[in-house]
């Protein structure tokens, strides 16, 4: 993964590009252009180019690469104006470095065809939606053992147990709203102490005090002193209800929170719910998502399968950047989501069938682009794709001529 440089570093690198006249590379299809930074101000950059660049337009965004002391870096600029031998651009918002083991992004050449579909069945559910995708991991063989472990945990601890599934109505309790908003576990091992200040594990899955305050701000616009007041009132109410220890574990199917498992204690003579309980209940909640799917609980709300229309702006051997014009599909494209990408070639019968994961979203109003990473690509597939998208010998008689360049590869994400 690449790293964003800090503002001071960015200003330094832009200065070095100008002072030392470091070559800057722009790839478009099979063509390689060399630019030099002629003028740099706080608002604009003016580049000179070695020869005419076709098909560039004002307001088009382009990715540029350069090397400084053997460290490859990349940045994106927006074209403001075009003149003979010059490109006038805005100042980049960021520069990325630490680009080793990655690949340059270029516009898809016309000799390849890209089709995108979802990797697994997807659903349209009238339920709370998260901003992160949770893939289904099929391991139902463990269901009986995990169920017995949870049953024994509840019986031995003398805890109250509840499993609830959300309907179409409004969420009623604060705990329901918090886990539906965050997708995290609401856990108060000791209600007298209130919210935990840190996650007892390193898995970032507990609603800490900081996370609860973030929820209050994002969902209700409450922050500062008001957030502290709401938090204190909420904890007092739990104490009045005689609850001593409490845990609510969300049941998540892909991006939806469809219910929860709750275990609580109101007996001071019983042991408080321990940190080790989290793993058991979390594993049980994951299995319940699989059980609901296998039993066909959401079958009527399954989306149709097949390829959907996309606009692929950039592609590399490691991934691609694309957007979808249809809102009902675009809303399903979230980080962690797996896709199936089929790439076919004009002069080769092979078709690449690639499992692809969305790693981040890039907002460019009014569009949202999904940045994807090709997962577990074979060396043979990588070589074929590289030959087609990086071959820059315009005089080659054979389409897909091998790359002949010593330029380091640049990070996609």
Protein backbone atom coordinates (compact mmCIF):
# COMPACT_ATOMS: atom_id res chain seq x y z
CA UNK A 1 0.00 0.00 0.00
CA UNK A 2 1.17 3.50 -0.72
CA UNK A 3 1.59 6.27 1.86
CA UNK A 4 0.35 9.86 1.68
CA UNK A 5 3.14 12.37 2.20
CA UNK A 6 2.58 15.25 4.60
CA UNK A 7 1.87 18.79 3.39
CA UNK A 8 5.45 20.00 3.98
CA UNK A 9 6.82 16.97 2.11
CA UNK A 10 4.44 17.60 -0.77
CA UNK A 11 5.64 21.19 -1.11
CA UNK A 12 9.26 19.97 -0.98
CA UNK A 13 8.75 17.39 -3.75
CA UNK A 14 6.96 19.89 -5.99
CA UNK A 15 9.86 22.29 -5.48
CA UNK A 16 12.37 19.54 -6.39
CA UNK A 17 10.40 18.68 -9.52
CA UNK A 18 10.81 22.29 -10.62
CA UNK A 19 14.36 23.02 -9.43
CA UNK A 20 15.97 19.72 -10.46
CA UNK A 21 13.77 19.25 -13.55
CA UNK A 22 12.99 15.66 -12.62
CA UNK A 23 11.26 13.76 -15.46
CA UNK A 24 7.58 13.08 -14.81
CA UNK A 25 5.91 10.18 -16.60
CA UNK A 26 2.33 10.01 -17.87
CA UNK A 27 1.02 6.77 -19.36
CA UNK A 28 -1.93 6.70 -21.71
CA UNK A 29 -2.70 3.32 -23.20
CA UNK A 30 0.52 2.18 -24.86
CA UNK A 31 2.03 5.64 -24.98
CA UNK A 32 4.52 7.11 -22.54
CA UNK A 33 4.88 10.89 -22.23
CA UNK A 34 7.65 12.72 -20.39
CA UNK A 35 6.73 15.99 -18.68
CA UNK A 36 8.80 18.61 -16.85
CA UNK A 37 7.50 21.12 -14.33
CA UNK A 38 8.18 24.60 -15.79
CA UNK A 39 6.27 26.79 -13.36
CA UNK A 40 4.90 26.04 -9.88
CA UNK A 41 2.72 28.42 -7.87
CA UNK A 42 0.42 27.84 -4.94
CA UNK A 43 -2.52 27.47 -7.33
CA UNK A 44 -1.23 26.04 -10.62
CA UNK A 45 1.44 23.84 -12.14
CA UNK A 46 2.59 24.28 -15.75
CA UNK A 47 4.19 21.25 -17.38
CA UNK A 48 6.10 21.07 -20.63
CA UNK A 49 5.60 17.89 -22.63
CA UNK A 50 7.97 16.12 -25.02
CA UNK A 51 5.39 15.73 -27.81
CA UNK A 52 1.73 16.32 -28.56
CA UNK A 53 -0.69 14.54 -26.23
CA UNK A 54 -3.88 13.53 -27.95
CA UNK A 55 -7.32 13.08 -26.36
CA UNK A 56 -6.64 15.30 -23.36
CA UNK A 57 -9.42 17.62 -22.26
CA UNK A 58 -9.87 20.41 -19.76
CA UNK A 59 -11.17 19.11 -16.39
CA UNK A 60 -9.71 15.67 -17.09
CA UNK A 61 -7.77 14.10 -14.21
CA UNK A 62 -4.46 12.41 -15.00
CA UNK A 63 -2.04 10.34 -12.91
CA UNK A 64 1.62 11.32 -13.02
CA UNK A 65 4.68 9.47 -11.72
CA UNK A 66 8.23 10.49 -10.84
CA UNK A 67 11.20 9.14 -8.93
CA UNK A 68 13.13 10.99 -6.24
CA UNK A 69 16.25 9.28 -4.88
CA UNK A 70 15.03 5.90 -6.14
CA UNK A 71 11.67 6.28 -4.40
CA UNK A 72 8.78 6.16 -6.89
CA UNK A 73 5.89 8.54 -6.26
CA UNK A 74 2.55 9.28 -7.90
CA UNK A 75 0.03 12.12 -7.81
CA UNK A 76 -3.16 13.14 -9.58
CA UNK A 77 -3.80 16.55 -11.14
CA UNK A 78 -6.78 18.18 -12.83
CA UNK A 79 -6.16 19.79 -16.24
CA UNK A 80 -7.15 23.48 -16.26
CA UNK A 81 -5.91 24.48 -19.71
CA UNK A 82 -3.99 23.13 -22.72
CA UNK A 83 -1.49 25.04 -24.83
CA UNK A 84 1.01 24.09 -27.49
CA UNK A 85 3.63 22.00 -25.68
CA UNK A 86 2.18 22.83 -22.24
CA UNK A 87 -0.36 21.44 -19.79
CA UNK A 88 -1.69 23.72 -17.06
CA UNK A 89 -3.00 21.87 -14.00
CA UNK A 90 -4.19 22.50 -10.49
CA UNK A 91 -1.95 21.67 -7.55
CA UNK A 92 -2.40 18.02 -6.46
CA UNK A 93 -4.20 17.37 -3.20
CA UNK A 94 -1.73 14.64 -2.30
CA UNK A 95 1.41 12.78 -3.33
CA UNK A 96 1.80 9.08 -2.57
CA UNK A 97 5.09 7.33 -1.88
CA UNK A 98 6.27 3.85 -0.79
CA UNK A 99 4.99 2.39 -4.03
CA UNK A 100 7.09 -0.75 -4.17
CA UNK A 101 5.54 -4.01 -5.46
CA UNK A 102 2.66 -2.16 -7.10
CA UNK A 103 1.70 -1.06 -10.60
CA UNK A 104 1.05 2.00 -12.69
CA UNK A 105 -2.57 2.83 -13.47
CA UNK A 106 -3.43 3.69 -17.05
CA UNK A 107 -6.60 4.24 -19.06
CA UNK A 108 -7.90 0.89 -20.38
CA UNK A 109 -6.59 0.33 -23.92
CA UNK A 110 -9.19 -0.35 -26.63
CA UNK A 111 -7.97 -3.91 -27.17
CA UNK A 112 -9.43 -5.25 -23.90
CA UNK A 113 -13.01 -5.66 -22.68
CA UNK A 114 -13.84 -5.58 -18.95
CA UNK A 115 -17.01 -7.03 -17.40
CA UNK A 116 -17.86 -6.77 -13.70
CA UNK A 117 -20.30 -8.74 -11.54
CA UNK A 118 -20.71 -9.50 -7.85
CA UNK A 119 -18.65 -12.42 -6.57
CA UNK A 120 -21.43 -13.81 -4.38
CA UNK A 121 -25.19 -13.40 -4.03
CA UNK A 122 -26.18 -9.94 -2.82
CA UNK A 123 -29.36 -8.81 -1.11
CA UNK A 124 -31.55 -5.71 -0.92
CA UNK A 125 -32.79 -5.70 2.65
CA UNK A 126 -34.90 -3.06 4.46
CA UNK A 127 -32.43 -3.10 7.34
CA UNK A 128 -29.68 -0.90 8.80
CA UNK A 129 -26.77 -0.64 6.39
CA UNK A 130 -23.08 -0.39 7.26
CA UNK A 131 -20.30 1.33 5.32
CA UNK A 132 -18.11 -1.77 5.38
CA UNK A 133 -18.75 -5.14 3.79
CA UNK A 134 -18.66 -8.39 5.78
CA UNK A 135 -18.28 -11.39 3.46
CA UNK A 136 -20.00 -14.65 4.38
CA UNK A 137 -17.42 -17.21 5.53
CA UNK A 138 -19.04 -20.62 5.18
CA UNK A 139 -18.12 -22.79 8.17
CA UNK A 140 -21.45 -24.28 9.27
CA UNK A 141 -19.70 -27.52 10.20
CA UNK A 142 -18.79 -25.77 13.47
CA UNK A 143 -22.36 -24.66 14.20
CA UNK A 144 -23.34 -27.41 16.68
CA UNK A 145 -20.16 -27.03 18.72
CA UNK A 146 -20.38 -23.23 18.85
CA UNK A 147 -24.07 -23.36 19.78
CA UNK A 148 -23.33 -25.74 22.65
CA UNK A 149 -20.47 -23.52 23.85
CA UNK A 150 -22.78 -20.51 23.99
CA UNK A 151 -25.51 -22.51 25.73
CA UNK A 152 -23.03 -23.69 28.36
CA UNK A 153 -21.64 -20.17 28.80
CA UNK A 154 -25.12 -18.79 29.50
CA UNK A 155 -26.11 -21.61 31.85
CA UNK A 156 -22.87 -21.59 33.83
CA UNK A 157 -22.95 -17.83 34.25
CA UNK A 158 -26.65 -17.67 35.06
CA UNK A 159 -27.00 -14.96 32.42
CA UNK A 160 -30.07 -13.70 30.63
CA UNK A 161 -30.00 -14.55 26.92
CA UNK A 162 -31.86 -13.06 23.97
CA UNK A 163 -31.63 -13.30 20.18
CA UNK A 164 -33.56 -10.69 18.19
CA UNK A 165 -34.06 -10.07 14.48
CA UNK A 166 -34.81 -6.56 13.23
CA UNK A 167 -38.01 -5.96 11.32
CA UNK A 168 -38.95 -3.03 9.15
CA UNK A 169 -39.82 -0.84 12.13
CA UNK A 170 -37.69 1.73 13.89
CA UNK A 171 -34.93 0.61 16.22
CA UNK A 172 -36.14 1.15 19.76
CA UNK A 173 -33.25 1.07 22.26
CA UNK A 174 -30.03 3.05 22.33
CA UNK A 175 -28.06 -0.20 22.21
CA UNK A 176 -29.86 -1.32 19.04
CA UNK A 177 -29.19 2.01 17.36
CA UNK A 178 -25.51 1.99 18.31
CA UNK A 179 -24.76 -1.52 17.02
CA UNK A 180 -26.82 -0.89 13.86
CA UNK A 181 -24.85 2.30 13.16
CA UNK A 182 -21.39 0.99 13.97
CA UNK A 183 -21.62 -2.76 13.31
CA UNK A 184 -19.60 -3.16 16.52
CA UNK A 185 -20.22 -5.00 19.79
CA UNK A 186 -21.84 -3.07 22.64
CA UNK A 187 -19.97 -4.33 25.70
CA UNK A 188 -20.11 -3.13 29.30
CA UNK A 189 -18.35 -5.75 31.44
CA UNK A 190 -19.08 -3.57 34.48
CA UNK A 191 -21.95 -1.11 34.12
CA UNK A 192 -20.72 0.78 37.20
CA UNK A 193 -17.61 1.70 35.20
CA UNK A 194 -19.58 2.75 32.11
CA UNK A 195 -18.17 2.40 28.61
CA UNK A 196 -14.72 0.82 28.20
CA UNK A 197 -12.08 3.32 27.12
CA UNK A 198 -10.26 0.83 24.92
CA UNK A 199 -10.93 -2.41 23.08
CA UNK A 200 -9.69 -5.37 25.18
CA UNK A 201 -8.64 -7.11 21.95
CA UNK A 202 -6.70 -5.78 18.97
CA UNK A 203 -9.61 -6.40 16.58
CA UNK A 204 -11.35 -3.00 16.83
CA UNK A 205 -14.83 -4.44 17.31
CA UNK A 206 -16.00 -2.94 20.63
CA UNK A 207 -18.03 0.24 21.12
CA UNK A 208 -15.64 2.22 23.32
CA UNK A 209 -16.46 5.56 24.93
CA UNK A 210 -14.84 7.32 21.97
CA UNK A 211 -16.88 5.22 19.52
CA UNK A 212 -20.11 6.01 21.40
CA UNK A 213 -19.37 9.73 21.24
CA UNK A 214 -18.66 9.39 17.52
CA UNK A 215 -22.06 7.74 17.10
CA UNK A 216 -23.77 10.57 18.96
CA UNK A 217 -22.13 13.11 16.67
CA UNK A 218 -22.69 11.27 13.38
CA UNK A 219 -26.26 10.19 14.09
CA UNK A 220 -27.57 13.02 16.26
CA UNK A 221 -25.13 15.90 15.88
CA UNK A 222 -24.30 15.80 19.60
CA UNK A 223 -20.73 16.48 20.71
CA UNK A 224 -18.64 18.08 23.44
CA UNK A 225 -20.29 18.66 26.81
CA UNK A 226 -23.68 17.52 25.47
CA UNK A 227 -22.20 14.15 24.50
CA UNK A 228 -20.83 13.68 28.03
CA UNK A 229 -24.26 14.57 29.46
CA UNK A 230 -26.07 12.05 27.22
CA UNK A 231 -23.51 9.36 28.04
CA UNK A 232 -23.85 9.90 31.81
CA UNK A 233 -27.64 9.76 31.60
CA UNK A 234 -27.53 6.56 29.55
CA UNK A 235 -25.21 4.81 32.04
CA UNK A 236 -27.37 5.95 34.99
CA UNK A 237 -30.44 4.43 33.34
CA UNK A 238 -28.67 1.10 32.91
CA UNK A 239 -27.72 1.14 36.59
CA UNK A 240 -31.37 1.80 37.55
CA UNK A 241 -32.40 -1.25 35.55
CA UNK A 242 -30.14 -3.33 37.85
CA UNK A 243 -28.01 -4.55 34.96
CA UNK A 244 -24.50 -5.36 36.17
CA UNK A 245 -22.86 -6.63 32.98
CA UNK A 246 -24.12 -6.41 29.40
CA UNK A 247 -23.10 -7.41 25.87
CA UNK A 248 -24.96 -6.96 22.55
CA UNK A 249 -23.36 -8.67 19.53
CA UNK A 250 -24.69 -7.60 16.09
CA UNK A 251 -25.61 -10.28 13.56
CA UNK A 252 -24.31 -9.01 10.22
CA UNK A 253 -25.04 -10.23 6.70
CA UNK A 254 -22.73 -8.50 4.22
CA UNK A 255 -23.48 -4.79 4.79
CA UNK A 256 -26.67 -5.29 6.82
CA UNK A 257 -27.21 -5.58 10.57
CA UNK A 258 -30.20 -7.92 10.76
CA UNK A 259 -30.34 -8.53 14.50
CA UNK A 260 -28.30 -9.20 17.61
CA UNK A 261 -27.45 -11.63 20.39
CA UNK A 262 -27.64 -10.24 23.90
CA UNK A 263 -26.23 -11.69 27.10
CA UNK A 264 -26.64 -9.79 30.36
CA UNK A 265 -26.35 -10.26 34.11
CA UNK A 266 -28.33 -8.60 36.89
CA UNK A 267 -27.09 -10.83 39.70
CA UNK A 268 -24.27 -9.35 41.75
CA UNK A 269 -23.42 -12.82 43.01
CA UNK A 270 -22.64 -14.05 39.50
CA UNK A 271 -19.39 -13.37 37.65
CA UNK A 272 -19.37 -10.41 35.27
CA UNK A 273 -19.28 -11.15 31.56
CA UNK A 274 -15.61 -11.55 30.65
CA UNK A 275 -13.62 -10.54 27.60
CA UNK A 276 -13.37 -14.19 26.50
CA UNK A 277 -17.15 -14.23 26.00
CA UNK A 278 -16.77 -11.83 23.08
CA UNK A 279 -15.12 -14.38 20.77
CA UNK A 280 -17.73 -17.06 21.44
CA UNK A 281 -20.71 -14.77 20.87
CA UNK A 282 -19.12 -13.11 17.85
CA UNK A 283 -18.47 -16.50 16.25
CA UNK A 284 -22.06 -17.56 16.97
CA UNK A 285 -23.42 -14.36 15.41
CA UNK A 286 -21.36 -15.00 12.26
CA UNK A 287 -22.76 -18.52 12.02
CA UNK A 288 -26.33 -17.26 12.41
CA UNK A 289 -25.90 -15.13 9.28
CA UNK A 290 -25.01 -18.31 7.39
CA UNK A 291 -27.97 -20.19 8.90
CA UNK A 292 -30.42 -17.46 7.81
CA UNK A 293 -29.07 -17.54 4.24
CA UNK A 294 -29.08 -21.36 4.03
CA UNK A 295 -32.67 -21.48 5.27
CA UNK A 296 -33.71 -19.00 2.58
CA UNK A 297 -34.81 -16.27 4.98
CA UNK A 298 -33.65 -13.56 2.56
CA UNK A 299 -34.23 -15.44 -0.71
CA UNK A 300 -37.00 -13.11 -1.94
CA UNK A 301 -34.71 -10.10 -1.49
CA UNK A 302 -31.80 -11.53 -3.47
CA UNK A 303 -30.51 -9.30 -6.28
CA UNK A 304 -30.35 -10.53 -9.86
CA UNK A 305 -26.96 -11.82 -10.91
CA UNK A 306 -24.96 -10.97 -14.01
CA UNK A 307 -22.66 -8.26 -15.27
CA UNK A 308 -23.51 -4.62 -14.63
CA UNK A 309 -22.47 -1.52 -16.56
CA UNK A 310 -19.31 0.22 -15.42
CA UNK A 311 -16.94 2.94 -16.52
CA UNK A 312 -13.36 1.83 -15.87
CA UNK A 313 -11.18 4.91 -15.66
CA UNK A 314 -7.85 3.28 -14.77
CA UNK A 315 -6.47 -0.24 -14.71
CA UNK A 316 -3.20 -1.87 -13.67
CA UNK A 317 -1.92 -5.40 -13.13
CA UNK A 318 -2.86 -5.08 -9.45
CA UNK A 319 -6.33 -3.52 -9.74
CA UNK A 320 -8.59 -0.91 -11.29
CA UNK A 321 -10.66 2.20 -10.60
CA UNK A 322 -14.25 2.25 -11.82
CA UNK A 323 -17.72 3.68 -11.23
CA UNK A 324 -21.23 2.43 -11.91
CA UNK A 325 -23.97 4.76 -13.23
CA UNK A 326 -26.87 2.88 -11.59
CA UNK A 327 -27.60 3.92 -7.97
CA UNK A 328 -29.06 0.56 -6.90
CA UNK A 329 -25.78 -1.11 -7.89
CA UNK A 330 -23.42 1.71 -6.89
CA UNK A 331 -24.71 1.69 -3.31
CA UNK A 332 -23.59 -1.95 -3.01
CA UNK A 333 -20.00 -1.12 -3.96
CA UNK A 334 -18.38 -0.66 -0.56
CA UNK A 335 -14.95 -1.48 0.92
CA UNK A 336 -14.46 -5.20 1.52
CA UNK A 337 -16.94 -6.18 -1.20
CA UNK A 338 -15.74 -8.93 -3.56
CA UNK A 339 -16.37 -8.76 -7.30
CA UNK A 340 -15.76 -10.99 -10.29
CA UNK A 341 -13.94 -9.23 -13.13
CA UNK A 342 -13.73 -10.85 -16.57
CA UNK A 343 -11.13 -9.40 -18.94
CA UNK A 344 -11.09 -10.48 -22.60
CA UNK A 345 -8.61 -9.50 -25.31
CA UNK A 346 -9.09 -8.53 -28.95
CA UNK A 347 -6.45 -10.90 -30.33
CA UNK A 348 -6.28 -13.62 -27.67
CA UNK A 349 -8.98 -16.22 -26.89
CA UNK A 350 -8.12 -16.33 -23.19
CA UNK A 351 -10.45 -14.65 -20.71
CA UNK A 352 -9.19 -13.70 -17.26
CA UNK A 353 -11.59 -14.51 -14.44
CA UNK A 354 -10.37 -12.47 -11.46
CA UNK A 355 -11.63 -12.27 -7.90
CA UNK A 356 -11.43 -8.58 -7.06
CA UNK A 357 -11.90 -6.71 -3.78
CA UNK A 358 -12.91 -3.09 -3.26
CA UNK A 359 -10.29 -1.52 -0.99
CA UNK A 360 -11.53 2.08 -0.85
CA UNK A 361 -13.97 4.59 -2.34
CA UNK A 362 -12.87 7.77 -4.08
CA UNK A 363 -15.46 10.55 -4.22
CA UNK A 364 -15.38 12.84 -7.25
CA UNK A 365 -18.67 14.67 -7.28
CA UNK A 366 -21.12 13.60 -8.57
CA UNK A 367 -19.48 10.18 -8.99
CA UNK A 368 -18.04 7.70 -6.51
CA UNK A 369 -15.21 5.54 -7.85
CA UNK A 370 -14.36 2.15 -6.40
CA UNK A 371 -10.65 1.31 -6.13
CA UNK A 372 -10.17 -2.45 -6.45
CA UNK A 373 -7.39 -4.94 -5.94
CA UNK A 374 -7.06 -8.15 -7.97
CA UNK A 375 -6.83 -11.01 -5.47
CA UNK A 376 -4.59 -14.07 -5.92
CA UNK A 377 -3.80 -13.40 -9.57
CA UNK A 378 -1.58 -16.07 -11.12
CA UNK A 379 1.77 -15.13 -12.65
CA UNK A 380 0.48 -16.28 -16.03
CA UNK A 381 -2.59 -14.01 -15.84
CA UNK A 382 -0.49 -11.08 -14.60
CA UNK A 383 1.93 -11.50 -17.49
CA UNK A 384 -0.86 -11.56 -20.09
CA UNK A 385 -2.60 -8.50 -18.65
CA UNK A 386 0.70 -6.65 -18.38
CA UNK A 387 1.50 -7.30 -22.04
CA UNK A 388 -1.80 -5.80 -23.15
CA UNK A 389 -2.02 -2.74 -20.94
CA UNK A 390 1.64 -1.75 -20.68
CA UNK A 391 2.98 -2.59 -24.15
CA UNK A 392 3.92 0.81 -25.59
CA UNK A 393 5.56 -0.10 -28.90
CA UNK A 394 3.16 1.68 -31.24
CA UNK A 395 4.86 0.17 -34.32
CA UNK A 396 4.54 -3.42 -33.10
CA UNK A 397 2.73 -5.58 -35.60
CA UNK A 398 1.47 -7.94 -32.90
CA UNK A 399 -1.04 -6.47 -30.51
CA UNK A 400 0.07 -6.98 -26.94
CA UNK A 401 3.82 -6.71 -27.54
CA UNK A 402 5.89 -7.19 -24.38
CA UNK A 403 6.77 -4.22 -22.21
CA UNK A 404 10.22 -2.76 -22.79
CA UNK A 405 10.68 -0.26 -20.02
CA UNK A 406 12.84 0.10 -16.92
CA UNK A 407 10.30 2.38 -15.22
CA UNK A 408 9.39 1.20 -11.71
CA UNK A 409 5.78 0.17 -11.22
CA UNK A 410 3.51 2.50 -9.34
CA UNK A 411 0.93 1.76 -6.65
CA UNK A 412 -2.72 1.48 -7.49
CA UNK A 413 -4.10 2.15 -4.05
